[in-house]
C-alpha atoms as a PDB file:
ATOM      1  CA  MET A   1      36.717 -18.422   6.521  1.00  0.00           C
ATOM      2  CA  MET A   2      35.076 -15.706   4.402  1.00  0.00           C
ATOM      3  CA  GLU A   3      34.087 -16.760   0.875  1.00  0.00           C
ATOM      4  CA  LYS A   4      36.266 -15.243  -1.846  1.00  0.00           C
ATOM      5  CA  GLU A   5      33.268 -13.768  -3.662  1.00  0.00           C
ATOM      6  CA  LYS A   6      32.164 -11.916  -0.533  1.00  0.00           C
ATOM      7  CA  ALA A   7      35.709 -10.677   0.116  1.00  0.00           C
ATOM      8  CA  ILE A   8      35.911  -9.395  -3.471  1.00  0.00           C
ATOM      9  CA  PHE A   9      32.583  -7.646  -3.021  1.00  0.00           C
ATOM     10  CA  ILE A  10      33.663  -5.858   0.186  1.00  0.00           C
ATOM     11  CA  LEU A  11      37.116  -4.821  -1.036  1.00  0.00           C
ATOM     12  CA  ASP A  12      35.750  -3.697  -4.393  1.00  0.00           C
ATOM     13  CA  ALA A  13      33.166  -1.482  -2.709  1.00  0.00           C
ATOM     14  CA  LEU A  14      35.788   0.102  -0.438  1.00  0.00           C
ATOM     15  CA  ALA A  15      38.109   0.708  -3.386  1.00  0.00           C
ATOM     16  CA  SER A  16      35.298   2.589  -5.143  1.00  0.00           C
ATOM     17  CA  GLY A  17      34.612   4.665  -2.013  1.00  0.00           C
ATOM     18  CA  SER A  18      31.314   3.011  -1.052  1.00  0.00           C
ATOM     19  CA  VAL A  19      29.926   1.293   2.046  1.00  0.00           C
ATOM     20  CA  PRO A  20      29.776  -2.448   1.140  1.00  0.00           C
ATOM     21  CA  GLN A  21      26.514  -3.129   2.962  1.00  0.00           C
ATOM     22  CA  THR A  22      24.511  -0.180   1.596  1.00  0.00           C
ATOM     23  CA  GLY A  23      26.336   1.262  -1.405  1.00  0.00           C
ATOM     24  CA  GLU A  24      26.321   4.696   0.243  1.00  0.00           C
ATOM     25  CA  VAL A  25      29.166   6.989  -0.754  1.00  0.00           C
ATOM     26  CA  LEU A  26      31.740   7.225   2.031  1.00  0.00           C
ATOM     27  CA  LYS A  27      32.249  10.813   3.123  1.00  0.00           C
ATOM     28  CA  GLY A  28      35.066  12.126   5.271  1.00  0.00           C
ATOM     29  CA  HIS A  29      37.137   8.939   5.202  1.00  0.00           C
ATOM     30  CA  GLN A  30      40.463  10.340   4.005  1.00  0.00           C
ATOM     31  CA  ILE A  31      42.280   7.000   4.205  1.00  0.00           C
ATOM     32  CA  LEU A  32      40.160   5.684   1.311  1.00  0.00           C
ATOM     33  CA  LYS A  33      41.188   8.657  -0.818  1.00  0.00           C
ATOM     34  CA  GLU A  34      44.905   7.921  -0.570  1.00  0.00           C
ATOM     35  CA  GLU A  35      46.223   6.558  -3.856  1.00  0.00           C
ATOM     36  CA  GLU A  36      48.325   3.792  -2.283  1.00  0.00           C
ATOM     37  CA  VAL A  37      45.380   2.535  -0.222  1.00  0.00           C
ATOM     38  CA  VAL A  38      43.068   2.449  -3.253  1.00  0.00           C
ATOM     39  CA  ARG A  39      45.725   0.661  -5.316  1.00  0.00           C
ATOM     40  CA  ALA A  40      46.294  -1.872  -2.534  1.00  0.00           C
ATOM     41  CA  LEU A  41      42.579  -2.623  -2.368  1.00  0.00           C
ATOM     42  CA  GLN A  42      42.407  -2.988  -6.143  1.00  0.00           C
ATOM     43  CA  GLU A  43      45.405  -5.348  -6.115  1.00  0.00           C
ATOM     44  CA  ALA A  44      43.756  -7.432  -3.399  1.00  0.00           C
ATOM     45  CA  VAL A  45      40.566  -7.626  -5.468  1.00  0.00           C
ATOM     46  CA  LEU A  46      42.524  -8.704  -8.544  1.00  0.00           C
ATOM     47  CA  THR A  47      44.371 -11.400  -6.595  1.00  0.00           C
ATOM     48  CA  LEU A  48      41.129 -12.801  -5.216  1.00  0.00           C
ATOM     49  CA  LYS A  49      39.496 -12.728  -8.649  1.00  0.00           C
ATOM     50  CA  LEU A  50      42.327 -14.810 -10.081  1.00  0.00           C
ATOM     51  CA  ALA A  51      42.010 -17.276  -7.218  1.00  0.00           C
ATOM     52  CA  ASN A  52      38.236 -17.464  -7.407  1.00  0.00           C
ATOM     53  CA  ARG A  53      37.937 -20.116 -10.123  1.00  0.00           C
ATOM     54  CA  GLN A  54      35.678 -22.508  -8.245  1.00  0.00           C
ATOM     55  CA  LYS A  55      32.628 -21.840 -10.402  1.00  0.00           C
ATOM     56  CA  THR A  56      32.655 -21.170 -14.127  1.00  0.00           C
ATOM     57  CA  TYR A  57      30.303 -18.548 -15.513  1.00  0.00           C
ATOM     58  CA  GLY A  58      29.694 -17.616 -19.118  1.00  0.00           C
ATOM     59  CA  PRO A  59      30.075 -14.099 -20.510  1.00  0.00           C
ATOM     60  CA  VAL A  60      27.661 -11.375 -19.425  1.00  0.00           C
ATOM     61  CA  HIS A  61      24.603 -11.166 -21.670  1.00  0.00           C
ATOM     62  CA  LEU A  62      22.573  -8.218 -20.443  1.00  0.00           C
ATOM     63  CA  GLU A  63      20.471  -6.172 -22.845  1.00  0.00           C
ATOM     64  CA  GLU A  64      21.133  -2.442 -22.863  1.00  0.00           C
ATOM     65  CA  GLU A  65      17.395  -1.785 -22.551  1.00  0.00           C
ATOM     66  CA  LYS A  66      17.421  -3.466 -19.144  1.00  0.00           C
ATOM     67  CA  ILE A  67      20.483  -1.525 -18.005  1.00  0.00           C
ATOM     68  CA  VAL A  68      18.934   1.801 -19.018  1.00  0.00           C
ATOM     69  CA  GLU A  69      15.596   0.849 -17.437  1.00  0.00           C
ATOM     70  CA  VAL A  70      17.255   0.120 -14.098  1.00  0.00           C
ATOM     71  CA  MET A  71      19.452   3.234 -14.251  1.00  0.00           C
ATOM     72  CA  ALA A  72      16.331   5.324 -14.898  1.00  0.00           C
ATOM     73  CA  PHE A  73      14.618   3.652 -11.938  1.00  0.00           C
ATOM     74  CA  PHE A  74      17.565   4.458  -9.660  1.00  0.00           C
ATOM     75  CA  PHE A  75      17.423   8.047 -10.891  1.00  0.00           C
ATOM     76  CA  GLY A  76      13.704   8.212 -10.127  1.00  0.00           C
ATOM     77  CA  ILE A  77      14.259   7.276  -6.475  1.00  0.00           C
ATOM     78  CA  GLU A  78      17.246   9.636  -6.136  1.00  0.00           C
ATOM     79  CA  ARG A  79      19.939   6.955  -6.046  1.00  0.00           C
ATOM     80  CA  ASN A  80      23.058   7.243  -8.188  1.00  0.00           C
ATOM     81  CA  PRO A  81      23.307   4.086 -10.371  1.00  0.00           C
ATOM     82  CA  ASN A  82      27.054   3.422 -10.222  1.00  0.00           C
ATOM     83  CA  PRO A  83      28.657   0.106 -11.345  1.00  0.00           C
ATOM     84  CA  HIS A  84      28.872  -1.197  -7.772  1.00  0.00           C
ATOM     85  CA  ARG A  85      25.175  -0.639  -7.101  1.00  0.00           C
ATOM     86  CA  LEU A  86      24.077  -1.993 -10.472  1.00  0.00           C
ATOM     87  CA  ALA A  87      26.110  -5.171  -9.909  1.00  0.00           C
ATOM     88  CA  GLN A  88      24.498  -5.535  -6.485  1.00  0.00           C
ATOM     89  CA  PHE A  89      21.058  -5.026  -7.995  1.00  0.00           C
ATOM     90  CA  PHE A  90      21.326  -7.487 -10.874  1.00  0.00           C
ATOM     91  CA  THR A  91      22.852 -10.212  -8.670  1.00  0.00           C
ATOM     92  CA  GLY A  92      20.088  -9.746  -6.084  1.00  0.00           C
ATOM     93  CA  SER A  93      22.513  -8.907  -3.294  1.00  0.00           C
ATOM     94  CA  GLN A  94      21.199  -8.907   0.269  1.00  0.00           C
ATOM     95  CA  ALA A  95      23.105  -5.645   0.709  1.00  0.00           C
ATOM     96  CA  VAL A  96      20.333  -3.938  -1.275  1.00  0.00           C
ATOM     97  CA  LYS A  97      17.935  -2.900   1.487  1.00  0.00           C
ATOM     98  CA  GLN A  98      15.727  -0.344  -0.271  1.00  0.00           C
ATOM     99  CA  GLU A  99      12.283  -1.876  -0.729  1.00  0.00           C
ATOM    100  CA  GLU A 100      11.608  -0.135  -4.056  1.00  0.00           C
ATOM    101  CA  LEU A 101      14.720  -1.721  -5.561  1.00  0.00           C
ATOM    102  CA  ARG A 102      14.060  -5.203  -4.201  1.00  0.00           C
ATOM    103  CA  LYS A 103      10.523  -5.175  -5.622  1.00  0.00           C
ATOM    104  CA  HIS A 104      11.670  -4.199  -9.114  1.00  0.00           C
ATOM    105  CA  PRO A 105      11.037  -7.060 -11.613  1.00  0.00           C
ATOM    106  CA  LEU A 106      14.686  -7.016 -12.765  1.00  0.00           C
ATOM    107  CA  PHE A 107      16.146  -7.313  -9.252  1.00  0.00           C
ATOM    108  CA  GLY A 108      18.376 -10.415  -9.197  1.00  0.00           C
ATOM    109  CA  ASN A 109      17.831 -10.901 -12.937  1.00  0.00           C
ATOM    110  CA  GLN A 110      21.431 -12.081 -13.477  1.00  0.00           C
ATOM    111  CA  SER A 111      21.976 -13.985 -10.229  1.00  0.00           C
ATOM    112  CA  GLN A 112      22.006 -17.384 -11.956  1.00  0.00           C
ATOM    113  CA  TYR A 113      24.359 -16.332 -14.729  1.00  0.00           C
ATOM    114  CA  CYS A 114      26.953 -13.908 -13.355  1.00  0.00           C
ATOM    115  CA  ARG A 115      29.031 -13.159 -10.298  1.00  0.00           C
ATOM    116  CA  TYR A 116      29.088  -9.708  -8.726  1.00  0.00           C
ATOM    117  CA  ALA A 117      32.684  -9.122  -9.868  1.00  0.00           C
ATOM    118  CA  GLN A 118      31.810 -10.023 -13.461  1.00  0.00           C
ATOM    119  CA  LEU A 119      28.928  -7.588 -13.559  1.00  0.00           C
ATOM    120  CA  LYS A 120      30.929  -4.841 -11.868  1.00  0.00           C
ATOM    121  CA  ASP A 121      33.588  -5.108 -14.597  1.00  0.00           C
ATOM    122  CA  HIS A 122      30.867  -5.206 -17.261  1.00  0.00           C
ATOM    123  CA  PHE A 123      29.313  -1.992 -15.959  1.00  0.00           C
ATOM    124  CA  LEU A 124      32.682  -0.253 -15.629  1.00  0.00           C
ATOM    125  CA  ILE A 125      33.243  -0.817 -19.345  1.00  0.00           C
ATOM    126  CA  TYR A 126      29.650   0.142 -20.167  1.00  0.00           C
ATOM    127  CA  PHE A 127      30.046   3.425 -18.256  1.00  0.00           C
ATOM    128  CA  GLU A 128      33.254   4.239 -20.136  1.00  0.00           C
ATOM    129  CA  GLU A 129      31.570   3.584 -23.484  1.00  0.00           C
ATOM    130  CA  ASN A 130      28.318   5.417 -22.698  1.00  0.00           C
ATOM    131  CA  PRO A 131      29.173   8.697 -20.935  1.00  0.00           C
ATOM    132  CA  GLU A 132      25.980  10.429 -22.121  1.00  0.00           C
ATOM    133  CA  ILE A 133      23.766   7.819 -20.466  1.00  0.00           C
ATOM    134  CA  VAL A 134      25.857   8.025 -17.297  1.00  0.00           C
ATOM    135  CA  ARG A 135      25.454  11.818 -17.177  1.00  0.00           C
ATOM    136  CA  ARG A 136      21.716  11.558 -17.868  1.00  0.00           C
ATOM    137  CA  TYR A 137      21.056   9.397 -14.822  1.00  0.00           C
ATOM    138  CA  PHE A 138      23.712  10.751 -12.465  1.00  0.00           C
ATOM    139  CA  VAL A 139      22.398  11.723  -9.022  1.00  0.00           C
ATOM    140  CA  ASP A 140      24.488  13.984  -6.795  1.00  0.00           C
ATOM    141  CA  GLU A 141      23.368  12.434  -3.518  1.00  0.00           C
ATOM    142  CA  ALA A 142      25.555  14.701  -1.436  1.00  0.00           C
ATOM    143  CA  ALA A 143      24.056  17.950  -2.767  1.00  0.00           C
ATOM    144  CA  TRP A 144      20.871  17.899  -0.671  1.00  0.00           C
ATOM    145  CA  LYS A 145      22.941  17.252   2.450  1.00  0.00           C
ATOM    146  CA  GLN A 146      24.213  20.834   2.210  1.00  0.00           C
ATOM    147  CA  VAL A 147      20.753  22.089   3.230  1.00  0.00           C
ATOM    148  CA  LEU A 148      21.247  23.271   6.824  1.00  0.00           C
ATOM    149  CA  TYR A 149      17.686  24.448   7.436  1.00  0.00           C
ATOM    150  CA  PHE A 150      17.217  22.101  10.382  1.00  0.00           C
ATOM    151  CA  GLN A 151      20.566  23.006  11.940  1.00  0.00           C
ATOM    152  CA  LYS A 152      19.633  26.662  12.390  1.00  0.00           C
ATOM    153  CA  LYS A 153      17.976  28.132  15.474  1.00  0.00           C
ATOM    154  CA  SER A 154      14.767  26.221  16.125  1.00  0.00           C
ATOM    155  CA  PHE A 155      11.446  27.941  15.403  1.00  0.00           C
ATOM    156  CA  ASN A 156       7.802  26.885  15.155  1.00  0.00           C
ATOM    157  CA  HIS A 157       5.096  29.126  13.678  1.00  0.00           C
ATOM    158  CA  LEU A 158       2.427  26.431  13.424  1.00  0.00           C
ATOM    159  CA  THR A 159      -0.754  27.048  15.405  1.00  0.00           C
ATOM    160  CA  GLU A 160      -2.118  24.397  17.762  1.00  0.00           C
ATOM    161  CA  GLN A 161      -4.958  23.747  15.328  1.00  0.00           C
ATOM    162  CA  GLU A 162      -2.554  23.294  12.391  1.00  0.00           C
ATOM    163  CA  ALA A 163      -0.424  20.893  14.440  1.00  0.00           C
ATOM    164  CA  ALA A 164      -3.512  18.910  15.460  1.00  0.00           C
ATOM    165  CA  GLU A 165      -4.652  18.701  11.821  1.00  0.00           C
ATOM    166  CA  ILE A 166      -1.245  17.377  10.738  1.00  0.00           C
ATOM    167  CA  LYS A 167      -1.263  14.698  13.444  1.00  0.00           C
ATOM    168  CA  SER A 168      -4.807  13.702  12.513  1.00  0.00           C
ATOM    169  CA  SER A 169      -3.947  13.471   8.804  1.00  0.00           C
ATOM    170  CA  ILE A 170      -0.843  11.381   9.498  1.00  0.00           C
ATOM    171  CA  GLY A 171      -2.897   9.004  11.624  1.00  0.00           C
ATOM    172  CA  LYS A 172      -5.216   8.350   8.666  1.00  0.00           C
ATOM    173  CA  ILE A 173      -2.442   7.306   6.260  1.00  0.00           C
ATOM    174  CA  PRO A 174      -2.381   3.476   6.109  1.00  0.00           C
ATOM    175  CA  MET A 175       0.799   1.628   7.029  1.00  0.00           C
ATOM    176  CA  ALA A 176       2.541  -0.327   4.263  1.00  0.00           C
ATOM    177  CA  LYS A 177       4.804  -2.475   6.445  1.00  0.00           C
ATOM    178  CA  ARG A 178       2.736  -4.637   8.756  1.00  0.00           C
ATOM    179  CA  GLY A 179       2.615  -8.290   9.678  1.00  0.00           C
ATOM    180  CA  LYS A 180       5.857 -10.030  10.606  1.00  0.00           C
ATOM    181  CA  LEU A 181       8.454  -7.437  11.624  1.00  0.00           C
ATOM    182  CA  SER A 182      11.989  -7.970  12.873  1.00  0.00           C
ATOM    183  CA  PRO A 183      12.558  -7.600  16.641  1.00  0.00           C
ATOM    184  CA  GLU A 184      14.708  -4.533  15.932  1.00  0.00           C
ATOM    185  CA  LEU A 185      11.965  -2.822  13.927  1.00  0.00           C
ATOM    186  CA  ARG A 186       9.327  -3.674  16.540  1.00  0.00           C
ATOM    187  CA  GLU A 187      11.524  -2.045  19.175  1.00  0.00           C
ATOM    188  CA  ILE A 188      12.013   1.085  17.059  1.00  0.00           C
ATOM    189  CA  ARG A 189       8.302   1.320  16.277  1.00  0.00           C
ATOM    190  CA  ALA A 190       7.494   1.297  19.957  1.00  0.00           C
ATOM    191  CA  ARG A 191       8.980   4.824  19.917  1.00  0.00           C
ATOM    192  CA  PHE A 192       8.308   5.851  16.303  1.00  0.00           C
ATOM    193  CA  PRO A 193       5.250   3.986  14.932  1.00  0.00           C
ATOM    194  CA  ARG A 194       5.914   4.993  11.292  1.00  0.00           C
ATOM    195  CA  SER A 195       9.627   4.202  11.329  1.00  0.00           C
ATOM    196  CA  HIS A 196      10.930   2.584   8.100  1.00  0.00           C
ATOM    197  CA  GLU A 197       7.644   3.278   6.291  1.00  0.00           C
ATOM    198  CA  PRO A 198       8.004   4.437   2.667  1.00  0.00           C
ATOM    199  CA  TRP A 199       7.176   8.136   2.366  1.00  0.00           C
ATOM    200  CA  SER A 200       3.863   8.485   0.520  1.00  0.00           C
ATOM    201  CA  LEU A 201       3.116  11.534  -1.636  1.00  0.00           C
ATOM    202  CA  GLU A 202       0.457  12.583   0.874  1.00  0.00           C
ATOM    203  CA  GLU A 203       2.909  12.381   3.768  1.00  0.00           C
ATOM    204  CA  LYS A 204       5.560  14.341   1.859  1.00  0.00           C
ATOM    205  CA  ALA A 205       2.991  17.028   1.098  1.00  0.00           C
ATOM    206  CA  LEU A 206       2.124  17.274   4.790  1.00  0.00           C
ATOM    207  CA  LEU A 207       5.796  17.478   5.737  1.00  0.00           C
ATOM    208  CA  GLY A 208       6.382  20.145   3.090  1.00  0.00           C
ATOM    209  CA  GLY A 209       3.584  22.257   4.503  1.00  0.00           C
ATOM    210  CA  ALA A 210       4.868  21.798   8.043  1.00  0.00           C
ATOM    211  CA  ILE A 211       8.528  22.644   7.425  1.00  0.00           C
ATOM    212  CA  ALA A 212       7.516  25.840   5.658  1.00  0.00           C
ATOM    213  CA  LYS A 213       6.562  27.008   9.164  1.00  0.00           C
ATOM    214  CA  THR A 214       8.889  25.088  11.472  1.00  0.00           C
ATOM    215  CA  ASN A 215      12.308  23.446  11.579  1.00  0.00           C
ATOM    216  CA  ASP A 216      11.771  21.918  15.029  1.00  0.00           C
ATOM    217  CA  LEU A 217      12.777  18.268  14.540  1.00  0.00           C
ATOM    218  CA  TYR A 218      11.512  17.196  17.967  1.00  0.00           C
ATOM    219  CA  PHE A 219       8.069  18.596  17.166  1.00  0.00           C
ATOM    220  CA  LEU A 220       8.066  17.157  13.633  1.00  0.00           C
ATOM    221  CA  SER A 221       9.196  13.763  14.924  1.00  0.00           C
ATOM    222  CA  GLU A 222       6.231  13.697  17.295  1.00  0.00           C
ATOM    223  CA  CYS A 223       3.788  14.749  14.557  1.00  0.00           C
ATOM    224  CA  PHE A 224       5.029  12.360  11.876  1.00  0.00           C
ATOM    225  CA  GLN A 225       5.859   9.475  14.249  1.00  0.00           C
ATOM    226  CA  ARG A 226       9.329   9.042  12.752  1.00  0.00           C
ATOM    227  CA  GLY A 227      12.866   9.555  14.009  1.00  0.00           C
ATOM    228  CA  LYS A 228      14.444  13.012  13.709  1.00  0.00           C
ATOM    229  CA  ASN A 229      17.025  11.759  11.212  1.00  0.00           C
ATOM    230  CA  ALA A 230      14.345  10.449   8.831  1.00  0.00           C
ATOM    231  CA  ILE A 231      12.445  13.744   9.075  1.00  0.00           C
ATOM    232  CA  GLU A 232      15.564  15.805   8.407  1.00  0.00           C
ATOM    233  CA  ILE A 233      16.650  13.759   5.366  1.00  0.00           C
ATOM    234  CA  CYS A 234      13.223  13.912   3.721  1.00  0.00           C
ATOM    235  CA  GLY A 235      12.939  17.614   4.529  1.00  0.00           C
ATOM    236  CA  GLN A 236      16.387  18.381   3.122  1.00  0.00           C
ATOM    237  CA  LYS A 237      15.478  16.673  -0.150  1.00  0.00           C
ATOM    238  CA  LEU A 238      12.176  18.541  -0.409  1.00  0.00           C
ATOM    239  CA  ILE A 239      13.891  21.889   0.162  1.00  0.00           C
ATOM    240  CA  TYR A 240      16.761  21.105  -2.205  1.00  0.00           C
ATOM    241  CA  SER A 241      14.378  20.146  -5.018  1.00  0.00           C
ATOM    242  CA  ASP A 242      12.341  23.339  -4.415  1.00  0.00           C
ATOM    243  CA  GLU A 243       9.240  21.315  -3.563  1.00  0.00           C
ATOM    244  CA  VAL A 244       9.030  23.418  -0.386  1.00  0.00           C
ATOM    245  CA  LYS A 245       9.214  27.186  -0.419  1.00  0.00           C
ATOM    246  CA  VAL A 246      11.119  28.270   2.669  1.00  0.00           C
ATOM    247  CA  SER A 247      13.176  31.349   3.326  1.00  0.00           C
ATOM    248  CA  ARG A 248      16.418  30.942   1.397  1.00  0.00           C
ATOM    249  CA  VAL A 249      18.277  32.796   4.145  1.00  0.00           C
ATOM    250  CA  ASN A 250      20.538  30.371   6.055  1.00  0.00           C
ATOM    251  CA  VAL A 251      19.183  27.347   4.192  1.00  0.00           C
ATOM    252  CA  THR A 252      22.638  26.217   3.066  1.00  0.00           C
ATOM    253  CA  ALA A 253      26.188  26.659   4.204  1.00  0.00           C
ATOM    254  CA  ALA A 254      27.900  29.862   3.128  1.00  0.00           C
END
């Protein structure tokens, strides 16, 4: 039988329109936008909270400085710090996969003192009382997804020498994730050797220079030794933030 705390966590995430395992905002799932469905999920969460009295926790004591520090960190890595994600972060949830977040010194800071549901409620109130801070660190994660540069007709204006130089430069960038890897990651890296590597500033600069002359994801995937999806996402963000100067014609949807 599923533990009540885990059930609360999953239902609470769905009620807020997020994927429980990753915190990603659910897009295109109309059923989760229906008022009755959201209310039903919220009622289920409330019922489980009332039943979940097996362990007694004290009130939440979390300094505002720590909250703001973590929200600023989320903002810096282009993640929207909503109550669900902050509760995951401070309880050290395994659902938090992003390496930068897991390495932060405050990750799991409240795991011994609070439950996820407690912290989620705490942050909901904090957000209501501090709208200026919420606006300051809000990240519209969906905005960069409107960049359709890679969906347009494929082109490649890079010379053979330029392509060779990119491949050579990529090969010189050291790998961060080595040693003991999961079987799944080893299998993926057999095809894409740099898969799941954090994007370094040097690598982003190389990608920015490349996509100014090509939108060919197959070619870029070969050069950067990553999957096409990873290339497209990083490229979309670079274009959206104006870090790459490409023709603005047909970059976004009309």
